Amino acid sequence: MGREAQADAMVKDVFQQRALVAKRLQDIPEDQRVRVYMANPDLTTYGSGKYTGLMMQHAGAVNVAAKDIQGFKQISIEDVLKWNPAVIFVQERYPDVVQQILTSPTVAADRGGETQTGLPDAGICQSLGLPNAGSTGAWGIVDGKNALPTAFHRC
């Protein structure tokens, strides 16, 4: 297609950026990284072995579902409460999932009837710009600056 030089430059840049992020994350232990959960319709999520989890890991976050499930699986809201993520991500293509979480009777009961963010300490982030897992859309919210600000304060 005649764009080999551009493609090579792009690949080189991606690997350089990944190396920079990895260097900044190298001294941050897993227990100090942001615990995140990817919410999908019908309480499905991605555990270990999925590209979504790899993106979270490369951004310096910990996928709370990865230890308990492999692949793509339906879980319960009790699982989410047990995992207690700091951040819940909802892909832009699933806007109804936010309200499903916020209005869950189990979540409301866990908060003593108050359904503020939906979980004890979680913030729910929507509009990630990820039309699908294979997208080149930016993770805007799950980048190093947001997941681990002390490691990326100079960015």
N, C-alpha and C. Protein backbone atom coordinates (compact mmCIF):
# COMPACT_ATOMS: atom_id res chain seq x y z
N MET A 1 0.81 -1.18 0.00
CA MET A 1 0.00 0.00 0.00
C MET A 1 0.86 1.26 0.00
N GLY A 2 2.15 1.09 0.10
CA GLY A 2 3.04 2.24 0.01
C GLY A 2 3.16 3.05 1.30
N ARG A 3 2.77 2.48 2.42
CA ARG A 3 2.84 3.23 3.68
C ARG A 3 3.68 2.49 4.72
N GLU A 4 4.60 1.70 4.24
CA GLU A 4 5.42 0.89 5.14
C GLU A 4 6.21 1.75 6.12
N ALA A 5 6.77 2.85 5.65
CA ALA A 5 7.56 3.72 6.52
C ALA A 5 6.69 4.29 7.65
N GLN A 6 5.47 4.69 7.32
CA GLN A 6 4.56 5.21 8.34
C GLN A 6 4.18 4.11 9.34
N ALA A 7 3.94 2.92 8.83
CA ALA A 7 3.58 1.80 9.70
C ALA A 7 4.74 1.46 10.63
N ASP A 8 5.95 1.42 10.09
CA ASP A 8 7.12 1.13 10.91
C ASP A 8 7.30 2.18 12.00
N ALA A 9 7.12 3.44 11.65
CA ALA A 9 7.25 4.53 12.63
C ALA A 9 6.20 4.41 13.73
N MET A 10 5.00 4.04 13.33
CA MET A 10 3.92 3.89 14.30
C MET A 10 4.20 2.74 15.27
N VAL A 11 4.64 1.61 14.74
CA VAL A 11 4.97 0.46 15.58
C VAL A 11 6.10 0.82 16.53
N LYS A 12 7.12 1.49 16.04
CA LYS A 12 8.25 1.90 16.87
C LYS A 12 7.77 2.81 18.00
N ASP A 13 6.91 3.76 17.68
CA ASP A 13 6.39 4.68 18.68
C ASP A 13 5.59 3.95 19.76
N VAL A 14 4.75 3.00 19.35
CA VAL A 14 3.95 2.25 20.31
C VAL A 14 4.86 1.50 21.28
N PHE A 15 5.88 0.84 20.77
CA PHE A 15 6.79 0.10 21.64
C PHE A 15 7.59 1.03 22.55
N GLN A 16 7.97 2.20 22.07
CA GLN A 16 8.67 3.17 22.91
C GLN A 16 7.77 3.66 24.04
N GLN A 17 6.52 3.95 23.72
CA GLN A 17 5.58 4.41 24.75
C GLN A 17 5.31 3.31 25.78
N ARG A 18 5.16 2.08 25.32
CA ARG A 18 4.94 0.97 26.26
C ARG A 18 6.14 0.78 27.17
N ALA A 19 7.34 0.94 26.62
CA ALA A 19 8.55 0.81 27.43
C ALA A 19 8.61 1.91 28.49
N LEU A 20 8.23 3.12 28.12
CA LEU A 20 8.23 4.24 29.06
C LEU A 20 7.24 3.98 30.20
N VAL A 21 6.05 3.52 29.86
CA VAL A 21 5.04 3.22 30.88
C VAL A 21 5.53 2.09 31.78
N ALA A 22 6.08 1.04 31.20
CA ALA A 22 6.58 -0.09 31.98
C ALA A 22 7.67 0.35 32.95
N LYS A 23 8.54 1.24 32.51
CA LYS A 23 9.61 1.73 33.38
C LYS A 23 9.03 2.48 34.57
N ARG A 24 8.01 3.28 34.34
CA ARG A 24 7.41 4.05 35.43
C ARG A 24 6.62 3.16 36.39
N LEU A 25 6.18 2.02 35.92
CA LEU A 25 5.39 1.12 36.76
C LEU A 25 6.24 0.08 37.48
N GLN A 26 7.48 -0.09 37.08
CA GLN A 26 8.28 -1.22 37.56
C GLN A 26 8.43 -1.31 39.08
N ASP A 27 8.41 -0.20 39.77
CA ASP A 27 8.61 -0.23 41.22
C ASP A 27 7.32 -0.14 42.02
N ILE A 28 6.19 -0.19 41.35
CA ILE A 28 4.91 -0.09 42.04
C ILE A 28 4.35 -1.49 42.24
N PRO A 29 4.28 -1.95 43.48
CA PRO A 29 3.78 -3.30 43.73
C PRO A 29 2.30 -3.42 43.36
N GLU A 30 1.89 -4.64 43.04
CA GLU A 30 0.51 -4.88 42.61
C GLU A 30 -0.50 -4.40 43.64
N ASP A 31 -0.20 -4.57 44.92
CA ASP A 31 -1.18 -4.18 45.94
C ASP A 31 -1.35 -2.67 46.07
N GLN A 32 -0.53 -1.89 45.37
CA GLN A 32 -0.67 -0.44 45.37
C GLN A 32 -1.25 0.09 44.06
N ARG A 33 -1.56 -0.80 43.16
CA ARG A 33 -2.13 -0.39 41.87
C ARG A 33 -3.65 -0.27 41.98
N VAL A 34 -4.24 0.49 41.10
CA VAL A 34 -5.68 0.72 41.12
C VAL A 34 -6.42 -0.55 40.72
N ARG A 35 -7.39 -0.93 41.54
CA ARG A 35 -8.20 -2.13 41.30
C ARG A 35 -9.39 -1.74 40.43
N VAL A 36 -9.50 -2.36 39.25
CA VAL A 36 -10.53 -1.98 38.30
C VAL A 36 -11.38 -3.18 37.87
N TYR A 37 -12.60 -2.87 37.45
CA TYR A 37 -13.54 -3.88 36.99
C TYR A 37 -14.17 -3.38 35.70
N MET A 38 -14.27 -4.24 34.70
CA MET A 38 -14.92 -3.90 33.43
C MET A 38 -16.32 -4.48 33.42
N ALA A 39 -17.32 -3.61 33.49
CA ALA A 39 -18.72 -4.03 33.51
C ALA A 39 -19.28 -4.11 32.10
N ASN A 40 -20.02 -5.17 31.84
CA ASN A 40 -20.69 -5.39 30.56
C ASN A 40 -22.15 -5.74 30.84
N PRO A 41 -22.99 -5.77 29.80
CA PRO A 41 -24.39 -6.14 30.01
C PRO A 41 -24.54 -7.52 30.65
N ASP A 42 -25.62 -7.68 31.39
CA ASP A 42 -25.96 -8.97 32.02
C ASP A 42 -24.88 -9.46 32.97
N LEU A 43 -24.19 -8.53 33.60
CA LEU A 43 -23.13 -8.86 34.56
C LEU A 43 -22.07 -9.80 33.98
N THR A 44 -21.69 -9.54 32.75
CA THR A 44 -20.57 -10.27 32.16
C THR A 44 -19.33 -9.40 32.28
N THR A 45 -18.18 -10.05 32.32
CA THR A 45 -16.93 -9.32 32.42
C THR A 45 -15.80 -10.15 31.83
N TYR A 46 -14.63 -9.55 31.81
CA TYR A 46 -13.43 -10.19 31.28
C TYR A 46 -12.51 -10.56 32.44
N GLY A 47 -12.13 -11.82 32.52
CA GLY A 47 -11.17 -12.25 33.52
C GLY A 47 -9.78 -12.30 32.91
N SER A 48 -9.00 -13.26 33.34
CA SER A 48 -7.65 -13.41 32.80
C SER A 48 -7.73 -13.96 31.38
N GLY A 49 -6.68 -13.72 30.62
CA GLY A 49 -6.61 -14.25 29.27
C GLY A 49 -7.35 -13.45 28.22
N LYS A 50 -7.77 -12.24 28.55
CA LYS A 50 -8.48 -11.40 27.59
C LYS A 50 -7.67 -10.12 27.34
N TYR A 51 -7.82 -9.59 26.15
CA TYR A 51 -7.09 -8.39 25.74
C TYR A 51 -7.40 -7.19 26.65
N THR A 52 -8.64 -7.10 27.10
CA THR A 52 -9.04 -6.00 27.97
C THR A 52 -8.19 -5.98 29.24
N GLY A 53 -7.99 -7.14 29.84
CA GLY A 53 -7.17 -7.22 31.04
C GLY A 53 -5.72 -6.85 30.77
N LEU A 54 -5.25 -7.21 29.60
CA LEU A 54 -3.88 -6.86 29.22
C LEU A 54 -3.74 -5.34 29.11
N MET A 55 -4.74 -4.68 28.54
CA MET A 55 -4.69 -3.21 28.47
C MET A 55 -4.69 -2.61 29.86
N MET A 56 -5.51 -3.15 30.76
CA MET A 56 -5.54 -2.66 32.14
C MET A 56 -4.17 -2.82 32.79
N GLN A 57 -3.59 -3.99 32.61
CA GLN A 57 -2.28 -4.28 33.19
C GLN A 57 -1.21 -3.34 32.66
N HIS A 58 -1.19 -3.14 31.35
CA HIS A 58 -0.20 -2.24 30.76
C HIS A 58 -0.39 -0.80 31.23
N ALA A 59 -1.61 -0.44 31.63
CA ALA A 59 -1.88 0.91 32.12
C ALA A 59 -1.56 1.04 33.60
N GLY A 60 -1.22 -0.07 34.25
CA GLY A 60 -0.86 -0.01 35.66
C GLY A 60 -1.98 -0.34 36.61
N ALA A 61 -3.06 -0.88 36.10
CA ALA A 61 -4.21 -1.24 36.93
C ALA A 61 -4.25 -2.75 37.15
N VAL A 62 -5.10 -3.17 38.07
CA VAL A 62 -5.29 -4.59 38.36
C VAL A 62 -6.75 -4.94 38.06
N ASN A 63 -6.96 -5.90 37.19
CA ASN A 63 -8.31 -6.39 36.88
C ASN A 63 -8.76 -7.29 38.02
N VAL A 64 -9.73 -6.83 38.80
CA VAL A 64 -10.16 -7.58 39.98
C VAL A 64 -10.77 -8.94 39.65
N ALA A 65 -11.27 -9.10 38.44
CA ALA A 65 -11.90 -10.37 38.05
C ALA A 65 -10.89 -11.43 37.63
N ALA A 66 -9.67 -11.02 37.34
CA ALA A 66 -8.69 -11.93 36.74
C ALA A 66 -8.32 -13.12 37.62
N LYS A 67 -8.34 -12.96 38.93
CA LYS A 67 -7.96 -14.07 39.81
C LYS A 67 -9.04 -15.14 39.90
N ASP A 68 -10.28 -14.74 39.69
CA ASP A 68 -11.39 -15.67 39.88
C ASP A 68 -11.94 -16.28 38.60
N ILE A 69 -11.79 -15.59 37.48
CA ILE A 69 -12.35 -16.13 36.25
C ILE A 69 -11.35 -16.03 35.11
N GLN A 70 -11.55 -16.90 34.14
CA GLN A 70 -10.73 -16.88 32.93
C GLN A 70 -11.65 -16.64 31.75
N GLY A 71 -11.23 -15.78 30.86
CA GLY A 71 -12.03 -15.49 29.68
C GLY A 71 -13.17 -14.55 29.98
N PHE A 72 -14.25 -14.72 29.24
CA PHE A 72 -15.44 -13.88 29.34
C PHE A 72 -16.52 -14.68 30.04
N LYS A 73 -17.10 -14.13 31.12
CA LYS A 73 -18.03 -14.92 31.92
C LYS A 73 -19.06 -14.02 32.59
N GLN A 74 -20.21 -14.60 32.85
CA GLN A 74 -21.22 -13.90 33.64
C GLN A 74 -20.92 -14.12 35.12
N ILE A 75 -21.04 -13.05 35.88
CA ILE A 75 -20.78 -13.12 37.31
C ILE A 75 -22.01 -12.57 38.05
N SER A 76 -21.91 -12.43 39.35
CA SER A 76 -23.01 -11.85 40.13
C SER A 76 -22.58 -10.49 40.67
N ILE A 77 -23.55 -9.68 41.04
CA ILE A 77 -23.22 -8.39 41.63
C ILE A 77 -22.50 -8.60 42.97
N GLU A 78 -22.77 -9.73 43.63
CA GLU A 78 -22.05 -10.05 44.86
C GLU A 78 -20.56 -10.23 44.60
N ASP A 79 -20.23 -10.79 43.42
CA ASP A 79 -18.81 -10.91 43.06
C ASP A 79 -18.16 -9.53 42.98
N VAL A 80 -18.86 -8.60 42.34
CA VAL A 80 -18.32 -7.25 42.21
C VAL A 80 -18.14 -6.62 43.58
N LEU A 81 -19.12 -6.78 44.46
CA LEU A 81 -19.01 -6.24 45.81
C LEU A 81 -17.84 -6.87 46.56
N LYS A 82 -17.65 -8.17 46.38
CA LYS A 82 -16.54 -8.87 47.03
C LYS A 82 -15.20 -8.34 46.52
N TRP A 83 -15.11 -8.11 45.21
CA TRP A 83 -13.86 -7.63 44.62
C TRP A 83 -13.57 -6.18 45.02
N ASN A 84 -14.62 -5.40 45.26
CA ASN A 84 -14.50 -4.01 45.71
C ASN A 84 -13.52 -3.19 44.86
N PRO A 85 -13.81 -3.04 43.57
CA PRO A 85 -12.90 -2.26 42.72
C PRO A 85 -12.95 -0.77 43.07
N ALA A 86 -11.86 -0.07 42.83
CA ALA A 86 -11.83 1.38 43.02
C ALA A 86 -12.49 2.08 41.85
N VAL A 87 -12.43 1.45 40.67
CA VAL A 87 -12.99 2.03 39.46
C VAL A 87 -13.74 0.95 38.69
N ILE A 88 -14.91 1.30 38.19
CA ILE A 88 -15.68 0.41 37.32
C ILE A 88 -15.72 1.05 35.95
N PHE A 89 -15.29 0.31 34.95
CA PHE A 89 -15.33 0.81 33.58
C PHE A 89 -16.51 0.22 32.84
N VAL A 90 -17.14 1.07 32.03
CA VAL A 90 -18.24 0.66 31.18
C VAL A 90 -17.93 1.16 29.78
N GLN A 91 -17.90 0.26 28.83
CA GLN A 91 -17.61 0.66 27.45
C GLN A 91 -18.73 1.55 26.92
N GLU A 92 -18.34 2.47 26.08
CA GLU A 92 -19.26 3.45 25.53
C GLU A 92 -20.49 2.81 24.87
N ARG A 93 -20.30 1.66 24.30
CA ARG A 93 -21.40 1.00 23.59
C ARG A 93 -22.44 0.40 24.53
N TYR A 94 -22.19 0.42 25.84
CA TYR A 94 -23.12 -0.16 26.81
C TYR A 94 -23.59 0.87 27.85
N PRO A 95 -24.20 1.96 27.44
CA PRO A 95 -24.56 3.01 28.40
C PRO A 95 -25.55 2.57 29.48
N ASP A 96 -26.39 1.58 29.21
CA ASP A 96 -27.38 1.15 30.20
C ASP A 96 -26.76 0.41 31.38
N VAL A 97 -25.54 -0.06 31.22
CA VAL A 97 -24.89 -0.82 32.29
C VAL A 97 -24.68 0.04 33.53
N VAL A 98 -24.39 1.31 33.35
CA VAL A 98 -24.17 2.20 34.50
C VAL A 98 -25.41 2.21 35.39
N GLN A 99 -26.57 2.43 34.80
CA GLN A 99 -27.80 2.46 35.59
C GLN A 99 -28.14 1.10 36.19
N GLN A 100 -27.80 0.02 35.47
CA GLN A 100 -28.04 -1.31 36.02
C GLN A 100 -27.26 -1.50 37.31
N ILE A 101 -26.03 -1.01 37.33
CA ILE A 101 -25.21 -1.12 38.54
C ILE A 101 -25.75 -0.20 39.62
N LEU A 102 -26.01 1.04 39.26
CA LEU A 102 -26.44 2.02 40.25
C LEU A 102 -27.77 1.68 40.90
N THR A 103 -28.64 1.00 40.17
CA THR A 103 -29.97 0.70 40.71
C THR A 103 -30.12 -0.73 41.20
N SER A 104 -29.04 -1.47 41.23
CA SER A 104 -29.10 -2.85 41.72
C SER A 104 -29.54 -2.87 43.19
N PRO A 105 -30.57 -3.65 43.52
CA PRO A 105 -31.00 -3.74 44.92
C PRO A 105 -29.90 -4.24 45.85
N THR A 106 -29.06 -5.14 45.36
CA THR A 106 -27.96 -5.66 46.18
C THR A 106 -26.96 -4.57 46.48
N VAL A 107 -26.65 -3.76 45.50
CA VAL A 107 -25.71 -2.65 45.70
C VAL A 107 -26.32 -1.63 46.66
N ALA A 108 -27.59 -1.32 46.47
CA ALA A 108 -28.26 -0.36 47.35
C ALA A 108 -28.27 -0.88 48.79
N ALA A 109 -28.52 -2.18 48.97
CA ALA A 109 -28.53 -2.76 50.31
C ALA A 109 -27.14 -2.69 50.94
N ASP A 110 -26.12 -2.90 50.13
CA ASP A 110 -24.74 -2.84 50.62
C ASP A 110 -24.39 -1.43 51.10
N ARG A 111 -25.02 -0.44 50.51
CA ARG A 111 -24.76 0.96 50.88
C ARG A 111 -25.77 1.46 51.91
N GLY A 112 -26.52 0.56 52.52
CA GLY A 112 -27.51 0.98 53.50
C GLY A 112 -28.66 1.76 52.86
N GLY A 113 -28.99 1.39 51.63
CA GLY A 113 -30.08 2.06 50.93
C GLY A 113 -29.64 3.25 50.11
N GLU A 114 -28.40 3.68 50.24
CA GLU A 114 -27.90 4.80 49.46
C GLU A 114 -27.16 4.28 48.24
N THR A 115 -27.60 4.64 47.07
CA THR A 115 -26.95 4.19 45.85
C THR A 115 -26.26 5.38 45.21
N GLN A 116 -25.13 5.78 45.76
CA GLN A 116 -24.42 6.94 45.24
C GLN A 116 -23.59 6.55 44.03
N THR A 117 -22.47 5.90 44.24
CA THR A 117 -21.66 5.47 43.10
C THR A 117 -21.91 4.02 42.76
N GLY A 118 -22.63 3.30 43.60
CA GLY A 118 -22.95 1.93 43.28
C GLY A 118 -22.13 0.92 44.05
N LEU A 119 -20.99 1.30 44.55
CA LEU A 119 -20.15 0.41 45.35
C LEU A 119 -19.50 1.26 46.43
N PRO A 120 -19.04 0.64 47.49
CA PRO A 120 -18.50 1.41 48.60
C PRO A 120 -17.52 2.51 48.21
N ASP A 121 -16.53 2.22 47.40
CA ASP A 121 -15.52 3.21 47.07
C ASP A 121 -15.31 3.40 45.58
N ALA A 122 -16.18 2.85 44.75
CA ALA A 122 -15.92 2.85 43.31
C ALA A 122 -16.42 4.10 42.62
N GLY A 123 -15.66 4.54 41.65
CA GLY A 123 -16.12 5.55 40.72
C GLY A 123 -16.46 4.82 39.43
N ILE A 124 -17.55 5.19 38.78
CA ILE A 124 -17.93 4.54 37.54
C ILE A 124 -17.57 5.45 36.38
N CYS A 125 -16.75 4.95 35.48
CA CYS A 125 -16.28 5.74 34.35
C CYS A 125 -16.91 5.19 33.07
N GLN A 126 -17.46 6.10 32.28
CA GLN A 126 -18.10 5.69 31.05
C GLN A 126 -17.43 6.42 29.90
N SER A 127 -17.82 6.07 28.69
CA SER A 127 -17.31 6.71 27.47
C SER A 127 -15.81 6.57 27.34
N LEU A 128 -15.36 5.34 27.27
CA LEU A 128 -13.93 5.08 27.13
C LEU A 128 -13.44 5.23 25.71
N GLY A 129 -14.34 5.40 24.77
CA GLY A 129 -13.90 5.46 23.38
C GLY A 129 -13.46 4.11 22.86
N LEU A 130 -14.02 3.05 23.40
CA LEU A 130 -13.65 1.70 22.97
C LEU A 130 -14.85 1.03 22.31
N PRO A 131 -15.04 1.23 21.01
CA PRO A 131 -16.17 0.59 20.37
C PRO A 131 -16.09 -0.93 20.43
N ASN A 132 -14.89 -1.47 20.51
CA ASN A 132 -14.72 -2.90 20.72
C ASN A 132 -13.33 -3.15 21.26
N ALA A 133 -13.10 -4.34 21.78
CA ALA A 133 -11.83 -4.64 22.45
C ALA A 133 -10.64 -4.55 21.51
N GLY A 134 -10.86 -4.72 20.23
CA GLY A 134 -9.77 -4.63 19.28
C GLY A 134 -9.52 -3.22 18.79
N SER A 135 -10.24 -2.28 19.35
CA SER A 135 -10.16 -0.89 18.91
C SER A 135 -8.80 -0.28 19.20
N THR A 136 -8.47 0.71 18.42
CA THR A 136 -7.28 1.51 18.73
C THR A 136 -7.68 2.73 19.53
N GLY A 137 -8.93 2.78 19.99
CA GLY A 137 -9.40 3.89 20.81
C GLY A 137 -8.57 4.04 22.06
N ALA A 138 -8.42 5.25 22.51
CA ALA A 138 -7.59 5.53 23.69
C ALA A 138 -8.30 5.10 24.96
N TRP A 139 -7.54 4.69 25.94
CA TRP A 139 -8.09 4.32 27.23
C TRP A 139 -8.21 5.55 28.11
N GLY A 140 -8.04 6.72 27.58
CA GLY A 140 -8.18 7.97 28.31
C GLY A 140 -8.20 7.88 29.82
N ILE A 141 -9.13 7.16 30.38
CA ILE A 141 -9.29 7.13 31.83
C ILE A 141 -8.33 6.14 32.47
N VAL A 142 -8.03 5.04 31.82
CA VAL A 142 -7.14 4.04 32.39
C VAL A 142 -5.75 4.22 31.83
N ASP A 143 -5.26 5.43 31.86
CA ASP A 143 -3.87 5.60 31.48
C ASP A 143 -3.06 5.74 32.76
N GLY A 144 -1.77 5.75 32.62
CA GLY A 144 -0.92 5.81 33.80
C GLY A 144 -1.14 7.05 34.65
N LYS A 145 -1.40 8.18 34.01
CA LYS A 145 -1.58 9.43 34.76
C LYS A 145 -2.77 9.34 35.71
N ASN A 146 -3.79 8.64 35.30
CA ASN A 146 -4.99 8.54 36.12
C ASN A 146 -4.95 7.35 37.07
N ALA A 147 -4.41 6.24 36.63
CA ALA A 147 -4.38 5.06 37.48
C ALA A 147 -3.35 5.19 38.59
N LEU A 148 -2.20 5.76 38.28
CA LEU A 148 -1.11 5.90 39.25
C LEU A 148 -0.46 7.27 39.10
N PRO A 149 -1.11 8.33 39.57
CA PRO A 149 -0.62 9.68 39.33
C PRO A 149 0.78 9.96 39.87
N THR A 150 1.19 9.32 40.96
CA THR A 150 2.52 9.60 41.48
C THR A 150 3.62 9.09 40.56
N ALA A 151 3.34 8.03 39.82
CA ALA A 151 4.35 7.50 38.89
C ALA A 151 4.41 8.29 37.60
N PHE A 152 3.37 9.06 37.31
CA PHE A 152 3.28 9.76 36.03
C PHE A 152 3.12 11.27 36.21
N HIS A 153 3.55 11.79 37.34
CA HIS A 153 3.33 13.21 37.63
C HIS A 153 4.08 14.14 36.68
N ARG A 154 5.08 13.67 36.01
CA ARG A 154 5.85 14.53 35.10
C ARG A 154 5.35 14.46 33.67
N CYS A 155 4.33 13.71 33.40
CA CYS A 155 3.84 13.54 32.03
C CYS A 155 3.07 14.76 31.58
